[in-house]
N, C-alpha and C. Protein backbone atom coordinates (compact mmCIF):
# COMPACT_ATOMS: atom_id res chain seq x y z
N MET A 1 12.11 14.45 29.00
CA MET A 1 12.91 15.51 28.38
C MET A 1 14.27 15.59 29.05
N THR A 2 15.29 15.87 28.27
CA THR A 2 16.63 16.07 28.83
C THR A 2 16.78 17.51 29.25
N ALA A 3 17.92 17.80 29.91
CA ALA A 3 18.16 19.16 30.36
C ALA A 3 18.26 20.11 29.20
N ALA A 4 18.67 19.63 28.06
CA ALA A 4 18.81 20.48 26.87
C ALA A 4 17.48 20.71 26.18
N GLY A 5 16.43 20.10 26.70
CA GLY A 5 15.11 20.31 26.11
C GLY A 5 14.78 19.35 25.00
N LYS A 6 15.64 18.32 24.80
CA LYS A 6 15.38 17.35 23.75
C LYS A 6 14.66 16.14 24.32
N ALA A 7 13.80 15.54 23.49
CA ALA A 7 13.06 14.37 23.96
C ALA A 7 13.99 13.19 24.15
N THR A 8 13.79 12.47 25.25
CA THR A 8 14.60 11.28 25.52
C THR A 8 14.10 10.14 24.64
N PRO A 9 14.97 9.46 23.91
CA PRO A 9 14.52 8.35 23.05
C PRO A 9 13.84 7.27 23.87
N LEU A 10 12.79 6.67 23.30
CA LEU A 10 12.11 5.59 23.97
C LEU A 10 13.01 4.36 24.05
N PRO A 11 12.91 3.56 25.13
CA PRO A 11 13.65 2.31 25.17
C PRO A 11 13.28 1.44 23.98
N PHE A 12 14.19 0.56 23.59
CA PHE A 12 14.00 -0.24 22.38
C PHE A 12 12.68 -0.99 22.39
N ARG A 13 12.32 -1.63 23.54
CA ARG A 13 11.12 -2.47 23.55
C ARG A 13 9.87 -1.65 23.30
N TYR A 14 9.83 -0.42 23.82
CA TYR A 14 8.66 0.43 23.59
C TYR A 14 8.65 0.97 22.16
N ARG A 15 9.82 1.30 21.65
CA ARG A 15 9.89 1.77 20.27
C ARG A 15 9.44 0.69 19.29
N TRP A 16 9.87 -0.56 19.56
CA TRP A 16 9.48 -1.67 18.68
C TRP A 16 7.98 -1.91 18.76
N LEU A 17 7.40 -1.82 19.98
CA LEU A 17 5.96 -2.00 20.15
C LEU A 17 5.21 -0.91 19.39
N ARG A 18 5.69 0.32 19.50
CA ARG A 18 5.05 1.43 18.79
C ARG A 18 5.07 1.17 17.28
N ARG A 19 6.21 0.66 16.77
CA ARG A 19 6.33 0.36 15.34
C ARG A 19 5.35 -0.73 14.93
N LEU A 20 5.21 -1.77 15.78
CA LEU A 20 4.32 -2.87 15.46
C LEU A 20 2.87 -2.42 15.43
N VAL A 21 2.48 -1.62 16.43
CA VAL A 21 1.10 -1.11 16.47
C VAL A 21 0.84 -0.20 15.27
N GLN A 22 1.80 0.68 14.98
CA GLN A 22 1.64 1.58 13.84
C GLN A 22 1.52 0.80 12.54
N LEU A 23 2.30 -0.25 12.40
CA LEU A 23 2.23 -1.10 11.21
C LEU A 23 0.83 -1.67 11.03
N GLN A 24 0.29 -2.28 12.09
CA GLN A 24 -1.00 -2.94 11.99
C GLN A 24 -2.12 -1.92 11.72
N VAL A 25 -2.07 -0.77 12.40
CA VAL A 25 -3.07 0.27 12.15
C VAL A 25 -2.97 0.77 10.71
N GLY A 26 -1.75 0.97 10.25
CA GLY A 26 -1.55 1.41 8.87
C GLY A 26 -2.11 0.43 7.87
N LEU A 27 -1.90 -0.88 8.10
CA LEU A 27 -2.42 -1.89 7.18
C LEU A 27 -3.94 -1.96 7.22
N LEU A 28 -4.53 -1.80 8.41
CA LEU A 28 -5.99 -1.77 8.51
C LEU A 28 -6.56 -0.58 7.74
N LEU A 29 -5.92 0.59 7.90
CA LEU A 29 -6.38 1.77 7.18
C LEU A 29 -6.17 1.62 5.68
N TYR A 30 -5.13 0.90 5.29
CA TYR A 30 -4.91 0.64 3.87
C TYR A 30 -6.08 -0.17 3.31
N GLY A 31 -6.50 -1.20 4.08
CA GLY A 31 -7.65 -1.99 3.64
C GLY A 31 -8.91 -1.14 3.55
N LEU A 32 -9.10 -0.22 4.50
CA LEU A 32 -10.25 0.68 4.46
C LEU A 32 -10.18 1.58 3.24
N SER A 33 -9.01 2.11 2.94
CA SER A 33 -8.87 3.00 1.77
C SER A 33 -9.21 2.25 0.49
N MET A 34 -8.81 0.99 0.39
CA MET A 34 -9.14 0.19 -0.79
C MET A 34 -10.65 -0.01 -0.91
N ALA A 35 -11.30 -0.29 0.23
CA ALA A 35 -12.75 -0.49 0.22
C ALA A 35 -13.48 0.77 -0.23
N LEU A 36 -13.01 1.93 0.23
CA LEU A 36 -13.63 3.19 -0.17
C LEU A 36 -13.51 3.40 -1.68
N MET A 37 -12.35 3.12 -2.24
CA MET A 37 -12.17 3.29 -3.68
C MET A 37 -12.99 2.29 -4.48
N ILE A 38 -13.09 1.07 -3.98
CA ILE A 38 -13.90 0.06 -4.67
C ILE A 38 -15.36 0.48 -4.70
N HIS A 39 -15.87 0.94 -3.55
CA HIS A 39 -17.27 1.35 -3.48
C HIS A 39 -17.55 2.63 -4.28
N SER A 40 -16.52 3.39 -4.60
CA SER A 40 -16.74 4.59 -5.42
C SER A 40 -17.07 4.22 -6.86
N ARG A 41 -16.61 3.05 -7.29
CA ARG A 41 -16.84 2.56 -8.65
C ARG A 41 -16.36 3.55 -9.71
N LEU A 42 -15.27 4.21 -9.41
CA LEU A 42 -14.70 5.19 -10.33
C LEU A 42 -13.29 4.81 -10.78
N GLY A 43 -12.93 3.55 -10.54
CA GLY A 43 -11.60 3.08 -10.93
C GLY A 43 -10.76 2.73 -9.72
N LEU A 44 -9.66 2.01 -9.98
CA LEU A 44 -8.78 1.56 -8.91
C LEU A 44 -7.33 1.75 -9.32
N ASP A 45 -6.42 1.59 -8.35
CA ASP A 45 -5.00 1.65 -8.70
C ASP A 45 -4.64 0.37 -9.46
N PRO A 46 -3.50 0.34 -10.17
CA PRO A 46 -3.17 -0.79 -11.06
C PRO A 46 -3.26 -2.16 -10.41
N TRP A 47 -2.66 -2.35 -9.24
CA TRP A 47 -2.71 -3.66 -8.62
C TRP A 47 -4.13 -4.05 -8.24
N ASP A 48 -4.93 -3.10 -7.81
CA ASP A 48 -6.30 -3.44 -7.42
C ASP A 48 -7.21 -3.66 -8.63
N VAL A 49 -6.90 -3.06 -9.76
CA VAL A 49 -7.59 -3.41 -11.01
C VAL A 49 -7.34 -4.89 -11.30
N PHE A 50 -6.10 -5.32 -11.11
CA PHE A 50 -5.74 -6.72 -11.31
C PHE A 50 -6.46 -7.62 -10.31
N HIS A 51 -6.44 -7.24 -9.03
CA HIS A 51 -7.11 -8.03 -7.99
C HIS A 51 -8.60 -8.17 -8.31
N GLN A 52 -9.22 -7.07 -8.70
CA GLN A 52 -10.65 -7.09 -8.99
C GLN A 52 -10.96 -7.98 -10.20
N GLY A 53 -10.12 -7.88 -11.24
CA GLY A 53 -10.33 -8.71 -12.42
C GLY A 53 -10.22 -10.19 -12.10
N VAL A 54 -9.20 -10.57 -11.31
CA VAL A 54 -9.04 -11.96 -10.92
C VAL A 54 -10.21 -12.42 -10.05
N ALA A 55 -10.65 -11.56 -9.13
CA ALA A 55 -11.77 -11.90 -8.25
C ALA A 55 -13.03 -12.18 -9.06
N LYS A 56 -13.26 -11.40 -10.10
CA LYS A 56 -14.45 -11.61 -10.93
C LYS A 56 -14.36 -12.93 -11.68
N ARG A 57 -13.18 -13.23 -12.19
CA ARG A 57 -13.01 -14.45 -12.98
C ARG A 57 -13.09 -15.71 -12.12
N LEU A 58 -12.54 -15.65 -10.92
CA LEU A 58 -12.48 -16.83 -10.06
C LEU A 58 -13.63 -16.89 -9.06
N HIS A 59 -14.46 -15.84 -9.03
CA HIS A 59 -15.60 -15.77 -8.12
C HIS A 59 -15.16 -15.88 -6.66
N LEU A 60 -14.09 -15.16 -6.37
CA LEU A 60 -13.58 -15.09 -5.01
C LEU A 60 -13.78 -13.68 -4.48
N SER A 61 -13.69 -13.52 -3.15
CA SER A 61 -13.78 -12.18 -2.60
C SER A 61 -12.53 -11.39 -2.96
N PHE A 62 -12.67 -10.08 -2.97
CA PHE A 62 -11.54 -9.21 -3.31
C PHE A 62 -10.37 -9.45 -2.36
N GLY A 63 -10.66 -9.50 -1.06
CA GLY A 63 -9.61 -9.69 -0.07
C GLY A 63 -8.90 -11.03 -0.21
N THR A 64 -9.66 -12.07 -0.56
CA THR A 64 -9.04 -13.38 -0.76
C THR A 64 -8.03 -13.33 -1.88
N VAL A 65 -8.37 -12.65 -2.95
CA VAL A 65 -7.44 -12.52 -4.08
C VAL A 65 -6.21 -11.71 -3.68
N VAL A 66 -6.41 -10.65 -2.89
CA VAL A 66 -5.27 -9.85 -2.41
C VAL A 66 -4.29 -10.74 -1.65
N ILE A 67 -4.82 -11.61 -0.80
CA ILE A 67 -3.96 -12.50 -0.01
C ILE A 67 -3.25 -13.51 -0.90
N ILE A 68 -3.99 -14.12 -1.83
CA ILE A 68 -3.40 -15.13 -2.72
C ILE A 68 -2.30 -14.52 -3.59
N VAL A 69 -2.60 -13.37 -4.19
CA VAL A 69 -1.62 -12.71 -5.05
C VAL A 69 -0.39 -12.30 -4.23
N GLY A 70 -0.63 -11.76 -3.03
CA GLY A 70 0.49 -11.37 -2.17
C GLY A 70 1.39 -12.54 -1.84
N ALA A 71 0.78 -13.70 -1.55
CA ALA A 71 1.56 -14.89 -1.23
C ALA A 71 2.34 -15.38 -2.45
N LEU A 72 1.72 -15.34 -3.63
CA LEU A 72 2.40 -15.79 -4.84
C LEU A 72 3.56 -14.85 -5.20
N VAL A 73 3.32 -13.55 -5.03
CA VAL A 73 4.39 -12.58 -5.30
C VAL A 73 5.54 -12.80 -4.33
N LEU A 74 5.20 -13.15 -3.09
CA LEU A 74 6.23 -13.39 -2.08
C LEU A 74 7.13 -14.56 -2.48
N LEU A 75 6.56 -15.55 -3.15
CA LEU A 75 7.36 -16.68 -3.62
C LEU A 75 8.41 -16.24 -4.64
N LEU A 76 8.08 -15.18 -5.39
CA LEU A 76 9.04 -14.68 -6.38
C LEU A 76 10.25 -14.03 -5.73
N TRP A 77 10.14 -13.75 -4.43
CA TRP A 77 11.28 -13.18 -3.70
C TRP A 77 12.44 -14.17 -3.61
N ILE A 78 12.11 -15.47 -3.64
CA ILE A 78 13.14 -16.49 -3.39
C ILE A 78 14.28 -16.40 -4.40
N PRO A 79 13.99 -16.42 -5.72
CA PRO A 79 15.12 -16.28 -6.66
C PRO A 79 15.74 -14.88 -6.65
N LEU A 80 15.00 -13.89 -6.16
CA LEU A 80 15.52 -12.53 -6.10
C LEU A 80 16.31 -12.28 -4.81
N ARG A 81 16.31 -13.28 -3.92
CA ARG A 81 17.07 -13.20 -2.67
C ARG A 81 16.62 -12.03 -1.78
N GLN A 82 15.33 -11.82 -1.74
CA GLN A 82 14.75 -10.81 -0.86
C GLN A 82 14.34 -11.48 0.45
N ARG A 83 14.47 -10.75 1.55
CA ARG A 83 14.11 -11.28 2.86
C ARG A 83 12.89 -10.57 3.42
N PRO A 84 11.84 -11.34 3.75
CA PRO A 84 10.63 -10.71 4.31
C PRO A 84 10.83 -10.31 5.76
N GLY A 85 10.03 -9.35 6.21
CA GLY A 85 10.03 -8.93 7.60
C GLY A 85 8.65 -9.13 8.19
N VAL A 86 8.49 -8.71 9.42
CA VAL A 86 7.18 -8.80 10.08
C VAL A 86 6.12 -8.07 9.26
N GLY A 87 6.51 -6.90 8.76
CA GLY A 87 5.57 -6.12 7.96
C GLY A 87 5.18 -6.80 6.67
N THR A 88 6.09 -7.58 6.10
CA THR A 88 5.81 -8.28 4.84
C THR A 88 4.71 -9.32 5.04
N ILE A 89 4.87 -10.15 6.07
CA ILE A 89 3.88 -11.19 6.34
C ILE A 89 2.54 -10.57 6.75
N SER A 90 2.60 -9.55 7.60
CA SER A 90 1.37 -8.87 8.02
C SER A 90 0.65 -8.27 6.82
N ASN A 91 1.43 -7.73 5.89
CA ASN A 91 0.86 -7.11 4.70
C ASN A 91 0.02 -8.10 3.92
N VAL A 92 0.54 -9.32 3.75
CA VAL A 92 -0.17 -10.34 2.97
C VAL A 92 -1.54 -10.63 3.56
N VAL A 93 -1.61 -10.70 4.90
CA VAL A 93 -2.84 -11.14 5.55
C VAL A 93 -3.77 -9.98 5.93
N VAL A 94 -3.23 -8.97 6.61
CA VAL A 94 -4.07 -7.94 7.23
C VAL A 94 -4.83 -7.12 6.19
N ILE A 95 -4.16 -6.72 5.11
CA ILE A 95 -4.85 -5.91 4.10
C ILE A 95 -5.98 -6.69 3.46
N GLY A 96 -5.72 -7.96 3.12
CA GLY A 96 -6.77 -8.76 2.48
C GLY A 96 -7.97 -8.97 3.37
N VAL A 97 -7.73 -9.29 4.64
CA VAL A 97 -8.84 -9.51 5.57
C VAL A 97 -9.60 -8.21 5.81
N SER A 98 -8.87 -7.12 6.03
CA SER A 98 -9.53 -5.85 6.38
C SER A 98 -10.35 -5.30 5.22
N VAL A 99 -9.85 -5.44 3.98
CA VAL A 99 -10.62 -4.89 2.86
C VAL A 99 -11.95 -5.62 2.71
N ASP A 100 -11.96 -6.93 2.93
CA ASP A 100 -13.23 -7.67 2.86
C ASP A 100 -14.18 -7.25 3.97
N VAL A 101 -13.65 -7.04 5.18
CA VAL A 101 -14.50 -6.62 6.30
C VAL A 101 -15.11 -5.26 6.02
N PHE A 102 -14.30 -4.32 5.54
CA PHE A 102 -14.81 -2.97 5.29
C PHE A 102 -15.76 -2.95 4.09
N LEU A 103 -15.52 -3.78 3.09
CA LEU A 103 -16.47 -3.86 1.96
C LEU A 103 -17.82 -4.36 2.44
N TRP A 104 -17.82 -5.23 3.43
CA TRP A 104 -19.06 -5.76 3.98
C TRP A 104 -19.75 -4.74 4.88
N LEU A 105 -18.96 -3.98 5.64
CA LEU A 105 -19.53 -3.03 6.59
C LEU A 105 -20.04 -1.75 5.94
N LEU A 106 -19.35 -1.28 4.91
CA LEU A 106 -19.66 0.02 4.33
C LEU A 106 -20.68 -0.10 3.20
N PRO A 107 -21.63 0.83 3.14
CA PRO A 107 -22.59 0.81 2.03
C PRO A 107 -21.94 1.33 0.75
N ALA A 108 -22.49 0.91 -0.37
CA ALA A 108 -22.01 1.38 -1.67
C ALA A 108 -23.01 2.40 -2.20
N PRO A 109 -22.70 3.69 -2.16
CA PRO A 109 -23.66 4.73 -2.55
C PRO A 109 -23.89 4.76 -4.06
N SER A 110 -25.02 5.29 -4.45
CA SER A 110 -25.32 5.42 -5.88
C SER A 110 -25.15 6.86 -6.36
N ALA A 111 -25.31 7.83 -5.47
CA ALA A 111 -25.18 9.24 -5.87
C ALA A 111 -23.72 9.54 -6.25
N LEU A 112 -23.56 10.24 -7.37
CA LEU A 112 -22.21 10.51 -7.88
C LEU A 112 -21.38 11.30 -6.89
N TRP A 113 -21.98 12.29 -6.22
CA TRP A 113 -21.19 13.12 -5.31
C TRP A 113 -20.67 12.31 -4.12
N LEU A 114 -21.46 11.31 -3.69
CA LEU A 114 -21.00 10.45 -2.61
C LEU A 114 -19.87 9.54 -3.09
N ARG A 115 -19.98 9.07 -4.31
CA ARG A 115 -18.94 8.21 -4.87
C ARG A 115 -17.63 8.98 -5.03
N ILE A 116 -17.74 10.24 -5.45
CA ILE A 116 -16.54 11.08 -5.57
C ILE A 116 -15.92 11.32 -4.19
N THR A 117 -16.79 11.54 -3.19
CA THR A 117 -16.31 11.74 -1.83
C THR A 117 -15.55 10.50 -1.33
N LEU A 118 -16.11 9.32 -1.59
CA LEU A 118 -15.44 8.09 -1.20
C LEU A 118 -14.09 7.95 -1.89
N LEU A 119 -14.06 8.31 -3.16
CA LEU A 119 -12.81 8.20 -3.92
C LEU A 119 -11.73 9.09 -3.33
N VAL A 120 -12.06 10.37 -3.12
CA VAL A 120 -11.07 11.31 -2.59
C VAL A 120 -10.62 10.88 -1.20
N ALA A 121 -11.59 10.49 -0.36
CA ALA A 121 -11.25 10.03 0.99
C ALA A 121 -10.36 8.79 0.93
N GLY A 122 -10.66 7.90 0.00
CA GLY A 122 -9.88 6.68 -0.13
C GLY A 122 -8.45 6.94 -0.55
N VAL A 123 -8.25 7.84 -1.49
CA VAL A 123 -6.91 8.14 -1.97
C VAL A 123 -6.09 8.83 -0.87
N VAL A 124 -6.70 9.80 -0.19
CA VAL A 124 -5.98 10.51 0.88
C VAL A 124 -5.65 9.54 2.02
N LEU A 125 -6.63 8.72 2.40
CA LEU A 125 -6.39 7.75 3.47
C LEU A 125 -5.31 6.75 3.08
N ASN A 126 -5.26 6.41 1.81
CA ASN A 126 -4.22 5.51 1.32
C ASN A 126 -2.84 6.11 1.53
N GLY A 127 -2.74 7.44 1.30
CA GLY A 127 -1.47 8.12 1.54
C GLY A 127 -1.09 8.10 3.01
N VAL A 128 -2.07 8.32 3.89
CA VAL A 128 -1.82 8.27 5.34
C VAL A 128 -1.38 6.86 5.74
N ALA A 129 -2.12 5.86 5.27
CA ALA A 129 -1.83 4.48 5.62
C ALA A 129 -0.46 4.05 5.11
N THR A 130 -0.10 4.50 3.92
CA THR A 130 1.20 4.16 3.36
C THR A 130 2.31 4.77 4.20
N GLY A 131 2.12 6.03 4.62
CA GLY A 131 3.10 6.68 5.49
C GLY A 131 3.27 5.94 6.80
N MET A 132 2.17 5.45 7.37
CA MET A 132 2.23 4.72 8.63
C MET A 132 2.93 3.38 8.45
N TYR A 133 2.56 2.68 7.40
CA TYR A 133 3.09 1.34 7.16
C TYR A 133 4.59 1.37 6.86
N ILE A 134 5.00 2.24 5.95
CA ILE A 134 6.42 2.34 5.61
C ILE A 134 7.20 2.94 6.78
N GLY A 135 6.61 3.93 7.44
CA GLY A 135 7.29 4.59 8.55
C GLY A 135 7.59 3.68 9.71
N ALA A 136 6.85 2.58 9.84
CA ALA A 136 7.10 1.62 10.91
C ALA A 136 8.40 0.84 10.68
N ARG A 137 8.86 0.77 9.44
CA ARG A 137 10.14 0.14 9.08
C ARG A 137 10.26 -1.31 9.56
N LEU A 138 9.20 -2.10 9.28
CA LEU A 138 9.22 -3.50 9.69
C LEU A 138 9.16 -4.45 8.49
N GLY A 139 9.57 -3.97 7.34
CA GLY A 139 9.64 -4.83 6.17
C GLY A 139 8.73 -4.36 5.06
N PRO A 140 9.17 -4.49 3.81
CA PRO A 140 8.36 -4.04 2.67
C PRO A 140 7.22 -5.00 2.37
N GLY A 141 6.22 -4.51 1.64
CA GLY A 141 5.15 -5.37 1.17
C GLY A 141 5.66 -6.28 0.07
N PRO A 142 4.91 -7.35 -0.24
CA PRO A 142 5.36 -8.29 -1.28
C PRO A 142 5.62 -7.62 -2.62
N ARG A 143 4.76 -6.68 -3.01
CA ARG A 143 4.90 -6.03 -4.31
C ARG A 143 6.08 -5.06 -4.30
N ASP A 144 6.33 -4.42 -3.15
CA ASP A 144 7.53 -3.58 -2.99
C ASP A 144 8.79 -4.41 -3.21
N GLY A 145 8.83 -5.56 -2.53
CA GLY A 145 10.01 -6.41 -2.59
C GLY A 145 10.26 -6.96 -3.97
N LEU A 146 9.18 -7.27 -4.70
CA LEU A 146 9.33 -7.72 -6.08
C LEU A 146 10.01 -6.65 -6.92
N MET A 147 9.55 -5.42 -6.75
CA MET A 147 10.12 -4.32 -7.53
C MET A 147 11.58 -4.08 -7.18
N THR A 148 11.87 -3.96 -5.89
CA THR A 148 13.25 -3.67 -5.49
C THR A 148 14.18 -4.84 -5.82
N GLY A 149 13.64 -6.07 -5.73
CA GLY A 149 14.44 -7.23 -6.09
C GLY A 149 14.80 -7.23 -7.57
N LEU A 150 13.83 -6.89 -8.42
CA LEU A 150 14.09 -6.83 -9.86
C LEU A 150 15.06 -5.70 -10.19
N VAL A 151 14.94 -4.60 -9.46
CA VAL A 151 15.88 -3.49 -9.67
C VAL A 151 17.30 -3.96 -9.36
N GLY A 152 17.45 -4.69 -8.25
CA GLY A 152 18.77 -5.17 -7.86
C GLY A 152 19.34 -6.18 -8.82
N ARG A 153 18.48 -7.05 -9.37
CA ARG A 153 18.96 -8.12 -10.24
C ARG A 153 19.21 -7.65 -11.66
N THR A 154 18.41 -6.69 -12.12
CA THR A 154 18.53 -6.25 -13.52
C THR A 154 19.39 -5.01 -13.68
N GLY A 155 19.54 -4.23 -12.60
CA GLY A 155 20.29 -2.99 -12.71
C GLY A 155 19.51 -1.86 -13.34
N ARG A 156 18.23 -2.09 -13.62
CA ARG A 156 17.38 -1.05 -14.21
C ARG A 156 16.92 -0.08 -13.13
N SER A 157 16.39 1.06 -13.58
CA SER A 157 15.95 2.08 -12.64
C SER A 157 14.66 1.66 -11.95
N VAL A 158 14.43 2.21 -10.75
CA VAL A 158 13.19 1.96 -10.02
C VAL A 158 12.00 2.40 -10.87
N ARG A 159 12.12 3.57 -11.49
CA ARG A 159 11.02 4.10 -12.29
C ARG A 159 10.64 3.15 -13.42
N LEU A 160 11.64 2.62 -14.13
CA LEU A 160 11.37 1.73 -15.25
C LEU A 160 10.74 0.42 -14.77
N VAL A 161 11.32 -0.16 -13.73
CA VAL A 161 10.82 -1.44 -13.25
C VAL A 161 9.41 -1.30 -12.68
N ARG A 162 9.19 -0.26 -11.89
CA ARG A 162 7.86 -0.07 -11.31
C ARG A 162 6.83 0.20 -12.40
N THR A 163 7.17 1.04 -13.36
CA THR A 163 6.23 1.34 -14.43
C THR A 163 5.89 0.10 -15.23
N THR A 164 6.90 -0.72 -15.53
CA THR A 164 6.67 -1.95 -16.28
C THR A 164 5.74 -2.90 -15.54
N ILE A 165 5.98 -3.07 -14.25
CA ILE A 165 5.13 -3.95 -13.46
C ILE A 165 3.70 -3.43 -13.41
N GLU A 166 3.54 -2.14 -13.14
CA GLU A 166 2.20 -1.59 -12.96
C GLU A 166 1.42 -1.56 -14.26
N VAL A 167 2.08 -1.27 -15.37
CA VAL A 167 1.40 -1.29 -16.67
C VAL A 167 0.94 -2.72 -16.97
N ALA A 168 1.81 -3.69 -16.67
CA ALA A 168 1.47 -5.10 -16.94
C ALA A 168 0.26 -5.55 -16.13
N VAL A 169 0.25 -5.25 -14.81
CA VAL A 169 -0.87 -5.69 -13.99
C VAL A 169 -2.13 -4.90 -14.32
N LEU A 170 -1.98 -3.63 -14.69
CA LEU A 170 -3.14 -2.82 -15.06
C LEU A 170 -3.81 -3.36 -16.31
N LEU A 171 -3.03 -3.64 -17.34
CA LEU A 171 -3.60 -4.16 -18.59
C LEU A 171 -4.22 -5.53 -18.38
N THR A 172 -3.53 -6.38 -17.61
CA THR A 172 -4.07 -7.71 -17.34
C THR A 172 -5.37 -7.62 -16.56
N GLY A 173 -5.39 -6.77 -15.54
CA GLY A 173 -6.59 -6.60 -14.74
C GLY A 173 -7.75 -6.04 -15.56
N PHE A 174 -7.45 -5.10 -16.44
CA PHE A 174 -8.50 -4.52 -17.30
C PHE A 174 -9.09 -5.58 -18.22
N LEU A 175 -8.23 -6.41 -18.80
CA LEU A 175 -8.71 -7.47 -19.69
C LEU A 175 -9.53 -8.52 -18.94
N LEU A 176 -9.26 -8.67 -17.64
CA LEU A 176 -10.01 -9.62 -16.82
C LEU A 176 -11.31 -9.03 -16.28
N GLY A 177 -11.53 -7.73 -16.50
CA GLY A 177 -12.76 -7.09 -16.06
C GLY A 177 -12.63 -6.13 -14.91
N GLY A 178 -11.39 -5.79 -14.52
CA GLY A 178 -11.18 -4.81 -13.46
C GLY A 178 -11.58 -3.42 -13.89
N THR A 179 -11.90 -2.56 -12.93
CA THR A 179 -12.39 -1.22 -13.21
C THR A 179 -11.25 -0.21 -13.35
N VAL A 180 -11.16 0.37 -14.53
CA VAL A 180 -10.20 1.45 -14.80
C VAL A 180 -11.00 2.72 -15.00
N GLY A 181 -10.59 3.81 -14.34
CA GLY A 181 -11.34 5.05 -14.46
C GLY A 181 -10.56 6.23 -13.96
N VAL A 182 -11.28 7.28 -13.59
CA VAL A 182 -10.63 8.51 -13.14
C VAL A 182 -9.79 8.26 -11.89
N ALA A 183 -10.22 7.31 -11.06
CA ALA A 183 -9.46 7.01 -9.84
C ALA A 183 -8.08 6.46 -10.17
N THR A 184 -7.97 5.74 -11.27
CA THR A 184 -6.68 5.18 -11.67
C THR A 184 -5.68 6.29 -11.92
N VAL A 185 -6.14 7.33 -12.61
CA VAL A 185 -5.27 8.47 -12.92
C VAL A 185 -5.00 9.28 -11.65
N LEU A 186 -6.07 9.54 -10.87
CA LEU A 186 -5.92 10.32 -9.64
C LEU A 186 -4.93 9.66 -8.69
N TYR A 187 -5.03 8.36 -8.54
CA TYR A 187 -4.12 7.64 -7.66
C TYR A 187 -2.69 7.76 -8.16
N ALA A 188 -2.50 7.60 -9.45
CA ALA A 188 -1.15 7.61 -10.03
C ALA A 188 -0.45 8.94 -9.78
N VAL A 189 -1.19 10.05 -9.89
CA VAL A 189 -0.55 11.37 -9.77
C VAL A 189 -0.49 11.88 -8.33
N SER A 190 -1.27 11.28 -7.43
CA SER A 190 -1.34 11.84 -6.07
C SER A 190 -0.68 10.99 -5.00
N ILE A 191 -0.54 9.68 -5.20
CA ILE A 191 -0.05 8.83 -4.11
C ILE A 191 1.39 9.16 -3.74
N GLY A 192 2.21 9.51 -4.71
CA GLY A 192 3.59 9.88 -4.41
C GLY A 192 3.67 11.12 -3.53
N PRO A 193 3.06 12.25 -3.94
CA PRO A 193 3.07 13.44 -3.09
C PRO A 193 2.42 13.22 -1.72
N LEU A 194 1.33 12.44 -1.66
CA LEU A 194 0.68 12.20 -0.38
C LEU A 194 1.59 11.41 0.56
N THR A 195 2.24 10.40 0.02
CA THR A 195 3.16 9.61 0.83
C THR A 195 4.34 10.47 1.28
N GLN A 196 4.83 11.32 0.38
CA GLN A 196 5.93 12.22 0.72
C GLN A 196 5.53 13.16 1.87
N LEU A 197 4.25 13.52 1.90
CA LEU A 197 3.75 14.41 2.94
C LEU A 197 3.63 13.71 4.28
N PHE A 198 3.08 12.49 4.27
CA PHE A 198 2.76 11.81 5.53
C PHE A 198 3.90 10.95 6.08
N LEU A 199 4.81 10.51 5.23
CA LEU A 199 5.87 9.62 5.70
C LEU A 199 6.72 10.22 6.82
N PRO A 200 7.17 11.47 6.70
CA PRO A 200 7.96 12.04 7.82
C PRO A 200 7.18 12.13 9.12
N VAL A 201 5.86 12.27 9.02
CA VAL A 201 5.03 12.38 10.22
C VAL A 201 5.04 11.08 11.01
N PHE A 202 5.04 9.95 10.30
CA PHE A 202 4.92 8.65 10.96
C PHE A 202 6.24 7.89 11.03
N TRP A 203 7.32 8.49 10.56
CA TRP A 203 8.62 7.80 10.58
C TRP A 203 9.07 7.60 12.02
N VAL A 204 9.33 6.35 12.40
CA VAL A 204 9.76 6.04 13.77
C VAL A 204 11.26 6.26 13.87
N ALA A 205 11.67 7.04 14.87
CA ALA A 205 13.06 7.43 15.01
C ALA A 205 13.98 6.24 15.21
N SER A 206 15.28 6.51 14.99
CA SER A 206 16.44 5.62 15.08
C SER A 206 17.09 5.49 13.72
N ALA A 207 16.39 6.04 12.70
CA ALA A 207 16.97 6.20 11.37
C ALA A 207 16.50 7.54 10.85
N PRO A 208 17.30 8.22 10.01
CA PRO A 208 16.89 9.54 9.53
C PRO A 208 15.57 9.48 8.78
N ALA A 209 14.68 10.42 9.06
CA ALA A 209 13.39 10.46 8.38
C ALA A 209 13.55 11.03 6.98
N PRO A 210 12.82 10.49 5.99
CA PRO A 210 12.85 11.07 4.65
C PRO A 210 12.34 12.50 4.69
N ALA A 211 12.92 13.36 3.88
CA ALA A 211 12.48 14.75 3.82
C ALA A 211 11.15 14.84 3.12
N SER A 212 10.39 15.90 3.43
CA SER A 212 9.09 16.11 2.77
C SER A 212 9.18 17.19 1.72
N ASN A 213 10.39 17.47 1.23
CA ASN A 213 10.58 18.56 0.28
C ASN A 213 10.91 18.07 -1.12
N GLY A 214 10.49 16.83 -1.40
CA GLY A 214 10.72 16.31 -2.75
C GLY A 214 11.85 15.32 -2.82
N ALA A 215 12.52 15.03 -1.71
CA ALA A 215 13.60 14.05 -1.71
C ALA A 215 13.02 12.67 -1.99
N PRO A 216 13.84 11.73 -2.49
CA PRO A 216 13.34 10.39 -2.79
C PRO A 216 12.74 9.72 -1.56
N ILE A 217 11.70 8.93 -1.78
CA ILE A 217 11.06 8.19 -0.71
C ILE A 217 11.01 6.73 -1.09
N PRO A 218 10.74 5.85 -0.11
CA PRO A 218 10.64 4.42 -0.44
C PRO A 218 9.46 4.18 -1.38
N ALA A 219 9.47 3.01 -2.01
CA ALA A 219 8.37 2.62 -2.88
C ALA A 219 7.09 2.53 -2.07
N THR A 220 5.94 2.75 -2.72
CA THR A 220 4.68 2.82 -1.98
C THR A 220 3.68 1.77 -2.38
N LEU A 221 4.07 0.76 -3.11
CA LEU A 221 3.15 -0.31 -3.41
C LEU A 221 2.85 -1.10 -2.15
N HIS A 222 1.59 -1.59 -2.02
CA HIS A 222 1.31 -2.41 -0.85
C HIS A 222 1.68 -3.85 -1.16
């Protein structure tokens, strides 16, 4: 603490380490949140509907598809002139591996009340994990970068581009056999407010933290 009672900023090396640890923990929790929603069997967010549909068709694990799709989306960054960061590469690998591990470790309940509990816990945890991952400020996820890259190249609004992408992957995933349900709607209406709530909590200093009063926040796709 300084004489004025203000916290002394951490040295750069410790601040960077804190960001790296927070990033990895956030990505692990993101994988856990996905596993909880999958085991609820009440629907998934648009990208995970797509991942699940592809996994069913190709007979691959869910996490393997997450990694493959993330890597392919990352290739689309090249013509969009997007630059990946540490968080981008970690995102491709850590979420895919962790979701498969948690799907294997966690039981899939049959009672409806337990499935609803898993769903709610998964959505809330997803908001926490998103706040941690974005707050670390070590690079956007592949799907984030695709959206922001298209916004930059086309001049269209973030809302239009994101909606177009998510509707496209949702419909494709549904046609491939992905699960669409109440969770799809719950996620759509709650992930923004949840991220807005948790992002300032986990924002690592050295840049102004986003406000939690409705101000714009970064994109929240993983």
